[in-house]
Protein backbone atom coordinates (compact mmCIF):
# COMPACT_ATOMS: atom_id res chain seq x y z
CA UNK A 1 50.96 102.86 90.27
CA UNK A 2 54.67 102.08 91.24
CA UNK A 3 55.11 98.72 92.74
CA UNK A 4 57.84 98.44 95.17
CA UNK A 5 60.37 95.42 95.03
CA UNK A 6 59.63 92.79 97.69
CA UNK A 7 62.25 93.14 100.54
CA UNK A 8 64.40 89.86 101.01
CA UNK A 9 63.95 89.05 104.70
CA UNK A 10 67.36 87.59 104.98
CA UNK A 11 68.92 91.07 103.72
CA UNK A 12 67.23 92.84 106.51
CA UNK A 13 67.54 90.23 109.25
CA UNK A 14 70.14 90.64 111.98
CA UNK A 15 73.38 88.82 111.08
CA UNK A 16 75.07 86.95 113.73
CA UNK A 17 78.63 85.49 114.07
CA UNK A 18 77.52 81.68 113.80
CA UNK A 19 76.14 82.31 110.39
CA UNK A 20 79.38 84.02 109.27
CA UNK A 21 81.45 81.05 110.67
CA UNK A 22 78.94 78.64 109.05
CA UNK A 23 79.61 80.32 105.53
CA UNK A 24 83.33 79.90 106.31
CA UNK A 25 83.22 76.21 106.97
CA UNK A 26 84.57 73.63 104.34
CA UNK A 27 81.69 72.74 102.08
CA UNK A 28 79.68 75.85 102.45
CA UNK A 29 78.31 76.84 99.21
CA UNK A 30 79.33 79.87 97.07
CA UNK A 31 75.60 80.81 97.06
CA UNK A 32 75.67 80.97 100.78
CA UNK A 33 78.79 82.85 100.99
CA UNK A 34 77.66 85.27 98.43
CA UNK A 35 74.49 85.85 100.52
CA UNK A 36 76.42 86.49 103.69
CA UNK A 37 78.97 88.74 101.96
CA UNK A 38 75.94 90.82 100.46
CA UNK A 39 74.30 91.07 104.10
CA UNK A 40 77.73 92.09 105.65
CA UNK A 41 77.98 94.91 102.86
CA UNK A 42 74.89 96.64 104.30
CA UNK A 43 75.40 95.36 108.03
CA UNK A 44 74.51 97.94 110.61
CA UNK A 45 75.33 95.58 113.55
CA UNK A 46 76.49 96.89 116.93
CA UNK A 47 77.85 93.43 117.70
CA UNK A 48 81.70 93.83 118.01
CA UNK A 49 82.30 90.28 116.98
CA UNK A 50 80.24 90.73 113.92
CA UNK A 51 82.09 93.94 113.07
CA UNK A 52 85.46 92.30 113.58
CA UNK A 53 84.48 89.30 111.43
CA UNK A 54 83.38 91.72 108.77
CA UNK A 55 86.66 93.74 108.78
CA UNK A 56 88.64 90.46 108.59
CA UNK A 57 86.81 89.42 105.50
CA UNK A 58 87.23 93.04 104.12
CA UNK A 59 91.00 93.14 104.75
CA UNK A 60 91.44 89.61 103.06
CA UNK A 61 89.53 89.92 100.09
CA UNK A 62 86.25 88.40 101.40
CA UNK A 63 88.18 85.10 101.54
CA UNK A 64 86.05 82.89 103.64
CA UNK A 65 88.65 79.99 103.39
CA UNK A 66 90.98 82.37 105.32
CA UNK A 67 88.38 83.15 107.90
CA UNK A 68 88.21 79.40 108.44
CA UNK A 69 91.70 79.00 108.90
CA UNK A 70 91.93 81.92 111.22
CA UNK A 71 89.01 80.43 113.26
CA UNK A 72 90.32 76.56 113.04
CA UNK A 73 93.78 77.62 114.77
CA UNK A 74 97.32 77.23 113.51
CA UNK A 75 99.23 73.77 113.03
CA UNK A 76 101.18 74.16 116.09
CA UNK A 77 98.01 74.37 118.32
CA UNK A 78 96.37 71.36 116.48
CA UNK A 79 99.65 69.28 117.09
CA UNK A 80 99.88 70.03 120.75
CA UNK A 81 96.24 70.06 121.81
CA UNK A 82 93.57 67.36 121.25
CA UNK A 83 91.33 68.17 118.42
CA UNK A 84 88.13 68.69 120.31
CA UNK A 85 90.06 71.04 122.89
CA UNK A 86 91.85 73.18 120.24
CA UNK A 87 88.79 73.71 118.24
CA UNK A 88 86.93 75.19 121.23
CA UNK A 89 90.21 77.18 122.03
CA UNK A 90 90.54 78.42 118.55
CA UNK A 91 86.62 79.46 118.45
CA UNK A 92 87.10 81.22 121.64
CA UNK A 93 90.52 82.89 120.65
CA UNK A 94 89.02 83.90 117.53
CA UNK A 95 85.83 85.65 119.18
CA UNK A 96 87.99 87.60 121.38
CA UNK A 97 90.14 88.61 118.36
CA UNK A 98 86.83 89.58 116.41
CA UNK A 99 85.42 91.51 119.42
CA UNK A 100 88.78 93.49 119.76
CA UNK A 101 88.81 94.12 116.02
CA UNK A 102 85.11 95.44 116.10
CA UNK A 103 86.00 97.59 119.04
CA UNK A 104 88.93 99.22 117.20
CA UNK A 105 86.98 99.77 114.04
CA UNK A 106 84.08 101.46 115.83
CA UNK A 107 86.44 103.74 117.64
CA UNK A 108 88.25 104.44 114.25
CA UNK A 109 84.80 105.48 112.96
CA UNK A 110 84.12 107.56 115.90
CA UNK A 111 87.58 109.53 115.07
CA UNK A 112 86.34 109.75 111.52
CA UNK A 113 83.21 111.48 112.45
CA UNK A 114 84.78 113.77 114.91
CA UNK A 115 87.20 114.72 112.16
CA UNK A 116 84.57 115.27 109.79
CA UNK A 117 82.79 117.66 111.94
CA UNK A 118 85.89 119.81 112.35
CA UNK A 119 86.76 120.10 108.66
CA UNK A 120 84.55 122.12 105.99
CA UNK A 121 81.55 120.40 104.21
CA UNK A 122 82.45 119.82 100.61
CA UNK A 123 79.51 119.99 98.31
CA UNK A 124 81.23 118.78 95.23
CA UNK A 125 80.65 120.26 91.65
CA UNK A 126 77.23 120.27 89.83
CA UNK A 127 76.61 116.87 88.29
CA UNK A 128 76.37 118.72 84.95
CA UNK A 129 79.75 120.12 85.27
CA UNK A 130 81.78 119.05 82.29
CA UNK A 131 85.26 117.58 81.87
CA UNK A 132 85.15 117.34 78.11
CA UNK A 133 81.66 116.06 78.14
CA UNK A 134 82.93 112.91 80.13
CA UNK A 135 80.02 110.73 81.34
CA UNK A 136 82.43 109.15 83.89
CA UNK A 137 83.10 112.41 85.59
CA UNK A 138 79.44 113.02 85.93
CA UNK A 139 78.88 109.71 87.38
CA UNK A 140 81.92 110.25 89.74
CA UNK A 141 80.47 113.40 91.02
CA UNK A 142 77.00 111.84 91.29
CA UNK A 143 78.44 108.98 93.27
CA UNK A 144 80.47 111.54 95.44
CA UNK A 145 77.36 113.48 96.43
CA UNK A 146 75.67 110.19 97.27
CA UNK A 147 78.76 109.12 99.19
CA UNK A 148 79.15 105.91 97.31
CA UNK A 149 82.88 105.79 97.24
CA UNK A 150 83.15 102.55 95.66
CA UNK A 151 81.33 103.60 92.72
CA UNK A 152 83.04 107.07 92.61
CA UNK A 153 86.33 105.29 92.55
CA UNK A 154 85.34 102.99 89.62
CA UNK A 155 84.62 106.10 87.52
CA UNK A 156 87.61 108.01 88.60
CA UNK A 157 89.96 105.05 87.85
CA UNK A 158 88.29 104.97 84.45
CA UNK A 159 89.09 108.73 83.90
CA UNK A 160 92.62 108.19 84.93
CA UNK A 161 93.10 105.82 81.95
CA UNK A 162 92.31 108.75 79.67
CA UNK A 163 93.64 111.69 81.45
CA UNK A 164 96.81 112.81 82.99
CA UNK A 165 96.52 113.70 86.79
CA UNK A 166 94.43 116.81 87.06
CA UNK A 167 94.06 118.64 90.39
CA UNK A 168 90.24 118.30 90.20
CA UNK A 169 90.60 114.44 89.69
CA UNK A 170 93.23 114.26 92.63
CA UNK A 171 91.11 116.33 95.11
CA UNK A 172 88.01 114.32 94.57
CA UNK A 173 89.95 111.12 94.58
CA UNK A 174 91.15 112.31 97.99
CA UNK A 175 87.68 112.59 99.19
CA UNK A 176 86.47 109.22 97.95
CA UNK A 177 89.35 107.61 99.60
CA UNK A 178 88.66 109.61 102.74
CA UNK A 179 85.29 108.26 102.74
CA UNK A 180 86.47 104.61 102.64
CA UNK A 181 88.68 105.45 105.66
CA UNK A 182 91.80 104.82 103.24
CA UNK A 183 93.66 107.38 104.77
CA UNK A 184 97.06 106.81 103.29
CA UNK A 185 95.47 107.15 99.77
CA UNK A 186 93.48 110.04 100.53
CA UNK A 187 96.53 111.94 102.12
CA UNK A 188 98.62 111.19 98.82
CA UNK A 189 95.73 112.49 96.73
CA UNK A 190 95.30 115.71 98.75
CA UNK A 191 99.03 116.23 98.93
CA UNK A 192 99.23 116.22 95.29
CA UNK A 193 96.72 119.01 94.87
CA UNK A 194 98.14 120.96 97.96
CA UNK A 195 101.59 121.22 96.49
CA UNK A 196 100.22 122.66 93.35
CA UNK A 197 100.06 126.59 93.71
CA UNK A 198 97.86 126.97 90.87
CA UNK A 199 95.34 124.36 91.81
CA UNK A 200 91.69 125.57 92.50
CA UNK A 201 91.39 123.44 95.61
CA UNK A 202 94.87 124.03 96.92
CA UNK A 203 93.92 125.32 100.40
CA UNK A 204 91.08 122.79 100.89
CA UNK A 205 93.30 120.03 99.86
CA UNK A 206 96.00 121.20 102.40
CA UNK A 207 93.54 121.00 105.11
CA UNK A 208 92.29 117.48 104.21
CA UNK A 209 95.85 116.16 103.63
CA UNK A 210 96.60 117.13 107.35
CA UNK A 211 93.15 115.44 108.42
CA UNK A 212 94.04 112.41 106.58
CA UNK A 213 97.42 112.14 108.01
CA UNK A 214 96.23 112.73 111.43
CA UNK A 215 93.64 110.10 111.18
CA UNK A 216 96.12 107.68 109.58
CA UNK A 217 98.43 107.93 112.59
CA UNK A 218 100.97 110.10 110.97
CA UNK A 219 100.70 112.83 113.58
CA UNK A 220 104.04 114.38 112.97
CA UNK A 221 103.34 114.93 109.09
CA UNK A 222 99.93 116.23 109.97
CA UNK A 223 101.40 118.86 112.34
CA UNK A 224 103.73 120.07 109.58
CA UNK A 225 100.93 120.47 107.23
CA UNK A 226 99.06 122.31 110.06
CA UNK A 227 102.07 124.68 110.78
CA UNK A 228 102.07 125.50 107.13
CA UNK A 229 98.39 126.33 106.96
CA UNK A 230 98.74 128.67 110.18
CA UNK A 231 101.60 130.36 108.44
CA UNK A 232 99.92 130.96 105.20
CA UNK A 233 98.06 134.23 105.29
CA UNK A 234 95.85 133.42 102.34
CA UNK A 235 94.62 130.19 104.04
CA UNK A 236 91.01 130.48 105.21
CA UNK A 237 91.30 127.35 107.13
CA UNK A 238 93.29 128.59 110.24
CA UNK A 239 90.49 127.81 112.80
CA UNK A 240 89.88 124.35 111.28
CA UNK A 241 93.79 123.60 111.49
CA UNK A 242 93.95 124.69 115.20
CA UNK A 243 91.26 122.29 116.09
CA UNK A 244 92.88 119.53 114.18
CA UNK A 245 95.98 120.09 115.92
CA UNK A 246 94.06 119.50 119.23
CA UNK A 247 92.65 116.34 117.97
């Protein structure tokens, strides 16, 4: 009989902003910060303030000290306002910022989901597909299928140290970056493949480059890509290109 690993109740418990701020305060142990970071990584909170704080930490390398400095207020505020007042002001201002950042991030996720509904489904290659028998390639493809972009990029970067850029690596690298909402990196990888007329994934990559450019706020560049697709008699993605153009 297979025994299930016990579930850590803290891992599944809802995470609130006070807990995050407590972990950011001076004197908080690394153990507490590590625990909060792990809980944030699996966080499915709908609280915009929590989402905003999570985004702040991700953008700052999970530096809790940076989070504390942000919530504690700047030097100018401290000099001009009594301590008790500026602390309350800073926390209130930070809460508003976190709520706004969380709202922005949720809107970004919605745009990502809408775009993903427009473009084609990429099933990936069979996990036993070979690149000179490379285990990293198998693991990268398995991570892609599991939508584990972080793990997939780890194996992709390992492959890049041993191989010159191949269209297959660039293409799936684009998808892994796209999964992480890193649209600039995704567009760069897809563009490499889209500009190679001999690449197996050229047409797919051209559409995905347009999608990544659009989501990344580079709409004019995206429209140039979409126009190229519409004018390419061999492209099977004209309908998708038209929908992205209306995005």
